């Protein structure tokens, strides 16, 4: 498996080049690191994988998000790996479209995704790595709902994120969102009471 660098273009603006990094000689270690967010995400099109390594592995169908992460984790667990630091791909991103995936049937879609995530146990992924990924995705969903004013849903997913093992930066992000939600609720309640009077 060869992973290349890529450039992200968000809403027509080019962002910095994303270099592959953090990989080791161990496939299972790479797979766990990738799932935990310690290794840069692979943009579809920026990796070359032999047919033999892919085997019967396929993208999970029917999932609203993160199906690529599940695919790459499964492939990485059994692959030797090399990296190319020269950009080989431009990845066009729509932030709104990316965020929209988290707003439709959020609880049901999360449960469907979590079921698919847990199937990674079959390729030797550590339980801790699965829990970390669950927390990272829940935090992402909480952020989207917070930004769109759905503080109740944001709080629900924040609770899931807080229950997962987290790195220091993610502990801080959870605390920050918990405080922001509390402040929004506190200061929007008097305004709502005034409007109904």
C-alpha atoms as a PDB file:
ATOM      1  CA  UNK A   1       0.000   0.000   0.000  1.00  0.00           C
ATOM      2  CA  UNK A   2       1.327   3.447  -0.947  1.00  0.00           C
ATOM      3  CA  UNK A   3      -0.177   6.609   0.578  1.00  0.00           C
ATOM      4  CA  UNK A   4       0.454   9.966  -1.070  1.00  0.00           C
ATOM      5  CA  UNK A   5       0.165  13.580   0.001  1.00  0.00           C
ATOM      6  CA  UNK A   6      -2.821  15.601  -1.208  1.00  0.00           C
ATOM      7  CA  UNK A   7      -4.115  19.151  -1.292  1.00  0.00           C
ATOM      8  CA  UNK A   8      -7.514  20.068   0.139  1.00  0.00           C
ATOM      9  CA  UNK A   9      -9.665  22.635  -1.585  1.00  0.00           C
ATOM     10  CA  UNK A  10     -12.535  23.814   0.647  1.00  0.00           C
ATOM     11  CA  UNK A  11     -15.273  25.961  -0.902  1.00  0.00           C
ATOM     12  CA  UNK A  12     -12.917  26.785  -3.798  1.00  0.00           C
ATOM     13  CA  UNK A  13     -10.024  27.884  -1.553  1.00  0.00           C
ATOM     14  CA  UNK A  14      -6.879  25.809  -1.552  1.00  0.00           C
ATOM     15  CA  UNK A  15      -5.650  24.754   1.865  1.00  0.00           C
ATOM     16  CA  UNK A  16      -2.251  23.440   2.852  1.00  0.00           C
ATOM     17  CA  UNK A  17      -0.837  20.182   1.554  1.00  0.00           C
ATOM     18  CA  UNK A  18      -1.701  17.205   3.755  1.00  0.00           C
ATOM     19  CA  UNK A  19       1.322  14.950   4.157  1.00  0.00           C
ATOM     20  CA  UNK A  20       1.052  11.310   5.210  1.00  0.00           C
ATOM     21  CA  UNK A  21       2.773  10.829   8.546  1.00  0.00           C
ATOM     22  CA  UNK A  22       2.837   8.775  11.721  1.00  0.00           C
ATOM     23  CA  UNK A  23       3.071   5.399   9.997  1.00  0.00           C
ATOM     24  CA  UNK A  24       5.149   2.536  11.411  1.00  0.00           C
ATOM     25  CA  UNK A  25       6.281  -0.844  10.053  1.00  0.00           C
ATOM     26  CA  UNK A  26       3.354  -2.550  11.822  1.00  0.00           C
ATOM     27  CA  UNK A  27       0.050  -2.836   9.944  1.00  0.00           C
ATOM     28  CA  UNK A  28      -2.103  -3.313  13.081  1.00  0.00           C
ATOM     29  CA  UNK A  29      -0.396  -0.345  14.792  1.00  0.00           C
ATOM     30  CA  UNK A  30      -1.044   1.821  11.722  1.00  0.00           C
ATOM     31  CA  UNK A  31      -4.682   0.689  11.621  1.00  0.00           C
ATOM     32  CA  UNK A  32      -5.255   1.591  15.285  1.00  0.00           C
ATOM     33  CA  UNK A  33      -3.443   4.924  14.902  1.00  0.00           C
ATOM     34  CA  UNK A  34      -5.518   5.747  11.834  1.00  0.00           C
ATOM     35  CA  UNK A  35      -8.761   4.929  13.615  1.00  0.00           C
ATOM     36  CA  UNK A  36      -7.743   7.036  16.626  1.00  0.00           C
ATOM     37  CA  UNK A  37      -6.983  10.056  14.443  1.00  0.00           C
ATOM     38  CA  UNK A  38      -3.230  10.000  15.140  1.00  0.00           C
ATOM     39  CA  UNK A  39      -2.488   9.396  11.441  1.00  0.00           C
ATOM     40  CA  UNK A  40      -3.639  11.800   8.725  1.00  0.00           C
ATOM     41  CA  UNK A  41      -6.832  10.788   6.916  1.00  0.00           C
ATOM     42  CA  UNK A  42      -6.445   9.270   3.467  1.00  0.00           C
ATOM     43  CA  UNK A  43      -8.378  11.041   0.727  1.00  0.00           C
ATOM     44  CA  UNK A  44      -9.874   8.505  -1.662  1.00  0.00           C
ATOM     45  CA  UNK A  45      -7.634   8.668  -4.714  1.00  0.00           C
ATOM     46  CA  UNK A  46      -4.449   9.443  -2.793  1.00  0.00           C
ATOM     47  CA  UNK A  47      -3.602   5.820  -2.008  1.00  0.00           C
ATOM     48  CA  UNK A  48      -2.605   2.897  -4.187  1.00  0.00           C
ATOM     49  CA  UNK A  49      -3.346  -0.575  -2.844  1.00  0.00           C
ATOM     50  CA  UNK A  50      -2.606  -3.949  -4.386  1.00  0.00           C
ATOM     51  CA  UNK A  51      -5.582  -6.114  -5.288  1.00  0.00           C
ATOM     52  CA  UNK A  52      -4.120  -8.870  -3.121  1.00  0.00           C
ATOM     53  CA  UNK A  53      -4.203  -6.646  -0.009  1.00  0.00           C
ATOM     54  CA  UNK A  54      -7.734  -5.395  -0.717  1.00  0.00           C
ATOM     55  CA  UNK A  55      -8.998  -8.942  -1.217  1.00  0.00           C
ATOM     56  CA  UNK A  56     -12.691  -9.070  -0.271  1.00  0.00           C
ATOM     57  CA  UNK A  57     -12.602  -5.764   1.654  1.00  0.00           C
ATOM     58  CA  UNK A  58     -15.153  -3.249   0.388  1.00  0.00           C
ATOM     59  CA  UNK A  59     -16.486   0.137   1.421  1.00  0.00           C
ATOM     60  CA  UNK A  60     -19.364  -0.326   3.860  1.00  0.00           C
ATOM     61  CA  UNK A  61     -22.565   0.449   1.972  1.00  0.00           C
ATOM     62  CA  UNK A  62     -25.515   2.231   3.496  1.00  0.00           C
ATOM     63  CA  UNK A  63     -23.493   4.289   5.981  1.00  0.00           C
ATOM     64  CA  UNK A  64     -23.931   8.056   5.992  1.00  0.00           C
ATOM     65  CA  UNK A  65     -20.331   8.793   7.000  1.00  0.00           C
ATOM     66  CA  UNK A  66     -16.888   7.446   7.919  1.00  0.00           C
ATOM     67  CA  UNK A  67     -17.197   4.426   5.598  1.00  0.00           C
ATOM     68  CA  UNK A  68     -13.808   5.324   4.115  1.00  0.00           C
ATOM     69  CA  UNK A  69     -12.152   5.203   7.546  1.00  0.00           C
ATOM     70  CA  UNK A  70     -13.558   1.726   8.177  1.00  0.00           C
ATOM     71  CA  UNK A  71     -12.277   0.577   4.774  1.00  0.00           C
ATOM     72  CA  UNK A  72      -8.764   2.017   5.185  1.00  0.00           C
ATOM     73  CA  UNK A  73      -8.466   0.659   8.727  1.00  0.00           C
ATOM     74  CA  UNK A  74      -9.303  -2.862   7.579  1.00  0.00           C
ATOM     75  CA  UNK A  75      -6.858  -2.645   4.636  1.00  0.00           C
ATOM     76  CA  UNK A  76      -4.090  -1.057   6.710  1.00  0.00           C
ATOM     77  CA  UNK A  77      -4.272  -3.796   9.335  1.00  0.00           C
ATOM     78  CA  UNK A  78      -2.813  -6.275   6.821  1.00  0.00           C
ATOM     79  CA  UNK A  79      -0.694  -4.064   4.528  1.00  0.00           C
ATOM     80  CA  UNK A  80       2.950  -3.102   4.409  1.00  0.00           C
ATOM     81  CA  UNK A  81       3.101   0.606   3.728  1.00  0.00           C
ATOM     82  CA  UNK A  82       5.124   3.265   1.926  1.00  0.00           C
ATOM     83  CA  UNK A  83       4.485   7.011   1.645  1.00  0.00           C
ATOM     84  CA  UNK A  84       4.931   9.627  -1.077  1.00  0.00           C
ATOM     85  CA  UNK A  85       5.294  13.193   0.194  1.00  0.00           C
ATOM     86  CA  UNK A  86       4.669  14.862  -3.154  1.00  0.00           C
ATOM     87  CA  UNK A  87       1.006  15.890  -3.642  1.00  0.00           C
ATOM     88  CA  UNK A  88      -0.653  13.506  -6.055  1.00  0.00           C
ATOM     89  CA  UNK A  89      -4.267  14.521  -5.622  1.00  0.00           C
ATOM     90  CA  UNK A  90      -6.527  17.546  -5.066  1.00  0.00           C
ATOM     91  CA  UNK A  91      -9.425  16.810  -2.730  1.00  0.00           C
ATOM     92  CA  UNK A  92     -12.467  19.069  -3.228  1.00  0.00           C
ATOM     93  CA  UNK A  93     -14.481  19.501  -0.028  1.00  0.00           C
ATOM     94  CA  UNK A  94     -17.867  21.088   0.622  1.00  0.00           C
ATOM     95  CA  UNK A  95     -18.021  21.867   4.353  1.00  0.00           C
ATOM     96  CA  UNK A  96     -21.813  22.221   4.254  1.00  0.00           C
ATOM     97  CA  UNK A  97     -22.300  18.891   2.488  1.00  0.00           C
ATOM     98  CA  UNK A  98     -19.912  17.204   4.920  1.00  0.00           C
ATOM     99  CA  UNK A  99     -21.822  18.608   7.891  1.00  0.00           C
ATOM    100  CA  UNK A 100     -25.267  17.809   6.439  1.00  0.00           C
ATOM    101  CA  UNK A 101     -24.546  14.068   6.749  1.00  0.00           C
ATOM    102  CA  UNK A 102     -24.659  14.403  10.535  1.00  0.00           C
ATOM    103  CA  UNK A 103     -28.043  16.133  10.750  1.00  0.00           C
ATOM    104  CA  UNK A 104     -30.362  13.566   9.137  1.00  0.00           C
ATOM    105  CA  UNK A 105     -31.563  10.862  11.579  1.00  0.00           C
ATOM    106  CA  UNK A 106     -28.465  11.497  13.715  1.00  0.00           C
ATOM    107  CA  UNK A 107     -29.074   8.895  16.441  1.00  0.00           C
ATOM    108  CA  UNK A 108     -30.123   6.099  14.057  1.00  0.00           C
ATOM    109  CA  UNK A 109     -27.258   6.773  11.656  1.00  0.00           C
ATOM    110  CA  UNK A 110     -24.761   6.839  14.524  1.00  0.00           C
ATOM    111  CA  UNK A 111     -25.974   3.441  15.757  1.00  0.00           C
ATOM    112  CA  UNK A 112     -25.703   1.992  12.224  1.00  0.00           C
ATOM    113  CA  UNK A 113     -22.175   3.354  11.912  1.00  0.00           C
ATOM    114  CA  UNK A 114     -21.173   2.105  15.382  1.00  0.00           C
ATOM    115  CA  UNK A 115     -22.308  -1.413  14.474  1.00  0.00           C
ATOM    116  CA  UNK A 116     -20.070  -1.316  11.367  1.00  0.00           C
ATOM    117  CA  UNK A 117     -17.201   0.111  13.452  1.00  0.00           C
ATOM    118  CA  UNK A 118     -17.395  -2.782  15.906  1.00  0.00           C
ATOM    119  CA  UNK A 119     -17.007  -5.287  13.077  1.00  0.00           C
ATOM    120  CA  UNK A 120     -13.365  -4.140  12.900  1.00  0.00           C
ATOM    121  CA  UNK A 121     -12.720  -6.385  15.911  1.00  0.00           C
ATOM    122  CA  UNK A 122     -12.472  -9.226  13.389  1.00  0.00           C
ATOM    123  CA  UNK A 123      -9.236  -7.772  11.966  1.00  0.00           C
ATOM    124  CA  UNK A 124      -7.552  -7.364  15.350  1.00  0.00           C
ATOM    125  CA  UNK A 125      -8.399  -3.740  16.151  1.00  0.00           C
ATOM    126  CA  UNK A 126      -8.114  -2.997  19.874  1.00  0.00           C
ATOM    127  CA  UNK A 127     -11.307  -2.183  21.779  1.00  0.00           C
ATOM    128  CA  UNK A 128      -9.758   1.065  23.020  1.00  0.00           C
ATOM    129  CA  UNK A 129      -9.199   2.229  19.424  1.00  0.00           C
ATOM    130  CA  UNK A 130     -12.849   1.515  18.595  1.00  0.00           C
ATOM    131  CA  UNK A 131     -13.993   3.530  21.622  1.00  0.00           C
ATOM    132  CA  UNK A 132     -11.689   6.427  20.736  1.00  0.00           C
ATOM    133  CA  UNK A 133     -13.107   6.527  17.198  1.00  0.00           C
ATOM    134  CA  UNK A 134     -16.636   6.451  18.561  1.00  0.00           C
ATOM    135  CA  UNK A 135     -15.825   9.483  20.711  1.00  0.00           C
ATOM    136  CA  UNK A 136     -14.190  11.390  17.853  1.00  0.00           C
ATOM    137  CA  UNK A 137     -17.185  10.908  15.553  1.00  0.00           C
ATOM    138  CA  UNK A 138     -19.641  11.784  18.350  1.00  0.00           C
ATOM    139  CA  UNK A 139     -17.691  14.991  19.021  1.00  0.00           C
ATOM    140  CA  UNK A 140     -17.817  15.875  15.327  1.00  0.00           C
ATOM    141  CA  UNK A 141     -21.600  15.349  15.313  1.00  0.00           C
ATOM    142  CA  UNK A 142     -21.968  17.434  18.486  1.00  0.00           C
ATOM    143  CA  UNK A 143     -20.004  20.266  16.847  1.00  0.00           C
ATOM    144  CA  UNK A 144     -22.291  20.285  13.792  1.00  0.00           C
ATOM    145  CA  UNK A 145     -25.487  20.318  15.864  1.00  0.00           C
ATOM    146  CA  UNK A 146     -24.095  23.043  18.114  1.00  0.00           C
ATOM    147  CA  UNK A 147     -23.199  25.203  15.108  1.00  0.00           C
ATOM    148  CA  UNK A 148     -26.744  24.794  13.762  1.00  0.00           C
ATOM    149  CA  UNK A 149     -28.407  25.691  17.058  1.00  0.00           C
ATOM    150  CA  UNK A 150     -29.630  22.211  18.080  1.00  0.00           C
ATOM    151  CA  UNK A 151     -28.158  22.283  21.582  1.00  0.00           C
ATOM    152  CA  UNK A 152     -30.115  19.269  22.878  1.00  0.00           C
ATOM    153  CA  UNK A 153     -28.771  16.984  20.150  1.00  0.00           C
ATOM    154  CA  UNK A 154     -25.298  18.489  20.563  1.00  0.00           C
ATOM    155  CA  UNK A 155     -25.432  17.698  24.289  1.00  0.00           C
ATOM    156  CA  UNK A 156     -26.512  14.093  23.617  1.00  0.00           C
ATOM    157  CA  UNK A 157     -23.564  13.429  21.320  1.00  0.00           C
ATOM    158  CA  UNK A 158     -21.212  15.327  23.589  1.00  0.00           C
ATOM    159  CA  UNK A 159     -22.165  12.851  26.328  1.00  0.00           C
ATOM    160  CA  UNK A 160     -21.078   9.981  24.056  1.00  0.00           C
ATOM    161  CA  UNK A 161     -17.792  11.760  23.286  1.00  0.00           C
ATOM    162  CA  UNK A 162     -17.119  12.422  26.982  1.00  0.00           C
ATOM    163  CA  UNK A 163     -17.606   8.730  27.830  1.00  0.00           C
ATOM    164  CA  UNK A 164     -14.904   7.648  25.349  1.00  0.00           C
ATOM    165  CA  UNK A 165     -11.144   7.623  26.002  1.00  0.00           C
ATOM    166  CA  UNK A 166      -9.789  10.984  24.796  1.00  0.00           C
ATOM    167  CA  UNK A 167      -6.529  12.782  24.133  1.00  0.00           C
ATOM    168  CA  UNK A 168      -5.852  15.996  26.052  1.00  0.00           C
ATOM    169  CA  UNK A 169      -6.963  18.207  23.162  1.00  0.00           C
ATOM    170  CA  UNK A 170     -10.270  16.339  22.888  1.00  0.00           C
ATOM    171  CA  UNK A 171     -10.888  16.597  26.642  1.00  0.00           C
ATOM    172  CA  UNK A 172     -10.485  20.355  26.273  1.00  0.00           C
ATOM    173  CA  UNK A 173     -12.790  20.471  23.227  1.00  0.00           C
ATOM    174  CA  UNK A 174     -15.492  18.557  25.132  1.00  0.00           C
ATOM    175  CA  UNK A 175     -15.213  20.921  28.100  1.00  0.00           C
ATOM    176  CA  UNK A 176     -15.386  23.921  25.792  1.00  0.00           C
ATOM    177  CA  UNK A 177     -18.519  22.652  24.005  1.00  0.00           C
ATOM    178  CA  UNK A 178     -20.165  21.708  27.317  1.00  0.00           C
ATOM    179  CA  UNK A 179     -19.601  25.279  28.547  1.00  0.00           C
ATOM    180  CA  UNK A 180     -20.780  26.832  25.274  1.00  0.00           C
ATOM    181  CA  UNK A 181     -23.975  24.754  25.311  1.00  0.00           C
ATOM    182  CA  UNK A 182     -24.677  25.725  28.934  1.00  0.00           C
ATOM    183  CA  UNK A 183     -24.149  29.417  28.137  1.00  0.00           C
ATOM    184  CA  UNK A 184     -26.329  29.288  25.010  1.00  0.00           C
ATOM    185  CA  UNK A 185     -29.120  27.584  26.942  1.00  0.00           C
ATOM    186  CA  UNK A 186     -28.841  30.024  29.836  1.00  0.00           C
ATOM    187  CA  UNK A 187     -28.895  33.165  27.734  1.00  0.00           C
ATOM    188  CA  UNK A 188     -31.420  32.017  25.135  1.00  0.00           C
ATOM    189  CA  UNK A 189     -34.020  30.990  27.759  1.00  0.00           C
ATOM    190  CA  UNK A 190     -34.753  34.576  28.983  1.00  0.00           C
ATOM    191  CA  UNK A 191     -35.117  35.741  25.359  1.00  0.00           C
ATOM    192  CA  UNK A 192     -37.590  32.932  24.666  1.00  0.00           C
ATOM    193  CA  UNK A 193     -39.607  33.860  27.775  1.00  0.00           C
ATOM    194  CA  UNK A 194     -39.718  37.517  26.689  1.00  0.00           C
ATOM    195  CA  UNK A 195     -40.972  36.552  23.219  1.00  0.00           C
ATOM    196  CA  UNK A 196     -43.763  34.392  24.633  1.00  0.00           C
ATOM    197  CA  UNK A 197     -44.909  37.136  27.073  1.00  0.00           C
END
